[in-house]
Amino acid sequence: MPVFTIVSAADSRAQAILTEYFDERSAGFPATQGRYRVSFPDPANFEPPRGLFLLADSQPDAAESTTVGCGGIRRIDDAPSGAVRYEIKHLFVRPEARGHGWGRALLAELEARARELGARELVLDTNASLASAGALYRSTGFVNIPPYNDNPNATDWRAKPLDP
């Protein structure tokens, strides 16, 4: 399984994989929804305890880069119930690494880290065109909720309560 490393969202490795992510999303974004809007994360929102950004590496001791994925969490406004709410952002696994459980492992790690930071609810936004991502979120307990933001790239919003 992967080894997870916290890095700044401004780190060159984070920027490289985020660029891949945004390029893939732009290329595959449904034309009926317009143009994909790229928005690199503000590194300040992904610094503990406000949040964090993870790289997933398949071979952390290898001489060459083995980063297979990335994702972040950031604190946002509390839920209507008052629960401390963190948002999952930019969950991405490189195409050549898909189908091996990396996305599920990365999502589980982000959830565990959010719990450590005090989250009692996780939320995320996604696009219906990302069928595999939607299936992953549903299978890990995320349910549909009304929009909590105005992300123009999103068609679906989801939440998952976390036990203390």
Protein backbone atom coordinates (compact mmCIF):
# COMPACT_ATOMS: atom_id res chain seq x y z
CA MET A 1 0.00 0.00 0.00
CA PRO A 2 1.08 3.57 -0.44
CA VAL A 3 3.07 5.68 1.95
CA PHE A 4 1.50 9.07 2.63
CA THR A 5 3.53 12.23 3.00
CA ILE A 6 2.25 15.62 4.08
CA VAL A 7 3.59 18.34 1.79
CA SER A 8 2.75 21.94 1.13
CA ALA A 9 0.23 22.37 -1.67
CA ALA A 10 2.91 24.67 -3.15
CA ASP A 11 5.53 21.87 -3.18
CA SER A 12 6.83 21.14 -6.69
CA ARG A 13 5.65 17.50 -6.49
CA ALA A 14 2.18 18.60 -5.41
CA GLN A 15 2.04 21.18 -8.19
CA ALA A 16 3.11 18.60 -10.77
CA ILE A 17 0.44 16.05 -9.86
CA LEU A 18 -2.22 18.76 -9.47
CA THR A 19 -1.37 19.95 -12.98
CA GLU A 20 -1.93 16.39 -14.24
CA TYR A 21 -5.23 16.27 -12.37
CA PHE A 22 -6.45 19.57 -13.80
CA ASP A 23 -5.33 18.64 -17.31
CA GLU A 24 -7.24 15.35 -17.11
CA ARG A 25 -10.36 17.04 -15.72
CA SER A 26 -10.21 19.75 -18.40
CA ALA A 27 -9.88 17.19 -21.18
CA GLY A 28 -12.72 15.01 -19.89
CA PHE A 29 -15.10 17.70 -18.66
CA PRO A 30 -18.57 17.36 -20.22
CA ALA A 31 -18.94 19.92 -23.02
CA THR A 32 -22.57 20.42 -22.03
CA GLN A 33 -21.34 21.91 -18.74
CA GLY A 34 -19.06 24.46 -20.33
CA ARG A 35 -15.36 24.70 -19.66
CA TYR A 36 -13.61 23.25 -16.63
CA ARG A 37 -12.35 25.98 -14.30
CA VAL A 38 -8.91 25.29 -12.88
CA SER A 39 -8.34 26.47 -9.32
CA PHE A 40 -5.04 25.56 -7.67
CA PRO A 41 -5.44 25.27 -3.89
CA ASP A 42 -4.32 28.08 -1.61
CA PRO A 43 -1.47 26.45 0.34
CA ALA A 44 -2.48 28.31 3.51
CA ASN A 45 -5.75 26.33 3.61
CA PHE A 46 -3.85 23.04 3.57
CA GLU A 47 -1.49 23.61 6.50
CA PRO A 48 -2.14 21.87 9.85
CA PRO A 49 -4.32 22.38 11.82
CA ARG A 50 -6.45 24.11 9.16
CA GLY A 51 -5.86 21.23 6.74
CA LEU A 52 -3.21 19.23 4.96
CA PHE A 53 -2.18 17.99 1.55
CA LEU A 54 -0.98 14.41 1.01
CA LEU A 55 1.04 12.69 -1.66
CA ALA A 56 0.65 8.94 -2.02
CA ASP A 57 3.85 7.13 -3.03
CA SER A 58 4.07 3.51 -4.11
CA GLN A 59 7.81 3.18 -3.54
CA PRO A 60 8.94 5.89 -1.12
CA ASP A 61 12.57 4.76 -1.09
CA ALA A 62 12.98 4.67 -4.89
CA ALA A 63 15.41 7.06 -6.55
CA GLU A 64 12.77 8.27 -9.01
CA SER A 65 9.39 9.80 -8.27
CA THR A 66 6.76 7.19 -7.48
CA THR A 67 3.91 9.50 -6.58
CA VAL A 68 0.68 7.78 -7.57
CA GLY A 69 -1.87 10.16 -6.12
CA CYS A 70 -2.75 13.16 -4.04
CA GLY A 71 -5.51 14.72 -2.03
CA GLY A 72 -6.16 17.30 0.61
CA ILE A 73 -8.46 18.25 3.44
CA ARG A 74 -9.29 21.73 4.64
CA ARG A 75 -11.48 23.13 7.39
CA ILE A 76 -14.53 24.97 6.13
CA ASP A 77 -17.52 26.51 7.90
CA ASP A 78 -19.12 24.20 10.41
CA ALA A 79 -22.10 22.10 9.39
CA PRO A 80 -25.62 23.42 10.09
CA SER A 81 -25.66 21.00 13.04
CA GLY A 82 -22.56 22.71 14.45
CA ALA A 83 -20.26 19.78 13.63
CA VAL A 84 -16.68 20.65 12.74
CA ARG A 85 -16.54 20.22 8.97
CA TYR A 86 -13.59 19.44 6.72
CA GLU A 87 -13.70 19.25 2.94
CA ILE A 88 -11.87 16.73 0.78
CA LYS A 89 -10.26 18.35 -2.25
CA HIS A 90 -8.35 17.19 -5.31
CA LEU A 91 -8.46 13.44 -4.68
CA PHE A 92 -6.58 12.06 -7.68
CA VAL A 93 -4.85 8.84 -8.66
CA ARG A 94 -2.74 8.71 -11.79
CA PRO A 95 -4.37 6.64 -14.56
CA GLU A 96 -1.63 4.00 -14.58
CA ALA A 97 -2.16 3.39 -10.84
CA ARG A 98 -5.95 3.05 -10.89
CA GLY A 99 -7.69 -0.21 -10.10
CA HIS A 100 -5.34 -1.19 -7.29
CA GLY A 101 -7.10 0.37 -4.31
CA TRP A 102 -4.96 3.51 -4.14
CA GLY A 103 -7.94 5.87 -4.28
CA ARG A 104 -9.73 4.01 -1.49
CA ALA A 105 -6.56 4.01 0.61
CA LEU A 106 -5.99 7.70 0.00
CA LEU A 107 -9.59 8.54 0.91
CA ALA A 108 -9.32 6.48 4.12
CA GLU A 109 -6.09 8.25 5.04
CA LEU A 110 -7.63 11.68 4.46
CA GLU A 111 -10.59 10.67 6.63
CA ALA A 112 -8.29 9.47 9.42
CA ARG A 113 -6.25 12.69 9.28
CA ALA A 114 -9.43 14.80 9.33
CA ARG A 115 -10.58 12.95 12.46
CA GLU A 116 -7.21 13.70 14.07
CA LEU A 117 -7.75 17.40 13.31
CA GLY A 118 -11.17 17.29 14.99
CA ALA A 119 -13.52 16.81 12.04
CA ARG A 120 -16.98 15.46 12.81
CA GLU A 121 -18.18 15.68 9.22
CA LEU A 122 -16.47 15.34 5.85
CA VAL A 123 -17.88 16.91 2.73
CA LEU A 124 -16.84 16.97 -0.90
CA ASP A 125 -18.06 18.12 -4.25
CA THR A 126 -17.70 16.13 -7.44
CA ASN A 127 -19.03 15.84 -10.96
CA ALA A 128 -21.47 13.16 -12.11
CA SER A 129 -19.13 12.43 -15.05
CA LEU A 130 -16.66 10.91 -12.56
CA ALA A 131 -18.55 7.63 -12.20
CA SER A 132 -15.72 5.71 -10.49
CA ALA A 133 -15.19 8.48 -7.96
CA GLY A 134 -18.92 8.59 -7.26
CA ALA A 135 -18.98 4.84 -6.68
CA LEU A 136 -16.02 5.13 -4.30
CA TYR A 137 -17.69 7.88 -2.30
CA ARG A 138 -20.99 5.99 -2.05
CA SER A 139 -19.24 2.76 -1.01
CA THR A 140 -17.41 4.56 1.79
CA GLY A 141 -20.49 6.14 3.35
CA PHE A 142 -20.85 9.51 1.62
CA VAL A 143 -24.45 10.54 0.94
CA ASN A 144 -25.87 13.23 -1.32
CA ILE A 145 -26.52 16.61 0.28
CA PRO A 146 -27.66 20.00 -0.98
CA PRO A 147 -24.85 22.19 -2.39
CA TYR A 148 -22.67 23.72 0.30
CA ASN A 149 -20.60 25.81 -2.14
CA ASP A 150 -20.83 27.34 -5.59
CA ASN A 151 -18.15 25.29 -7.35
CA PRO A 152 -18.97 25.63 -11.07
CA ASN A 153 -17.31 22.28 -11.83
CA ALA A 154 -19.51 20.33 -9.41
CA THR A 155 -22.83 18.61 -10.01
CA ASP A 156 -22.93 16.53 -6.81
CA TRP A 157 -22.25 17.34 -3.17
CA ARG A 158 -21.74 14.66 -0.52
CA ALA A 159 -21.22 14.34 3.21
CA LYS A 160 -20.18 11.73 5.72
CA PRO A 161 -20.62 12.10 9.48
CA LEU A 162 -17.63 11.02 11.55
CA ASP A 163 -17.86 9.49 14.99
CA PRO A 164 -15.70 11.12 17.67
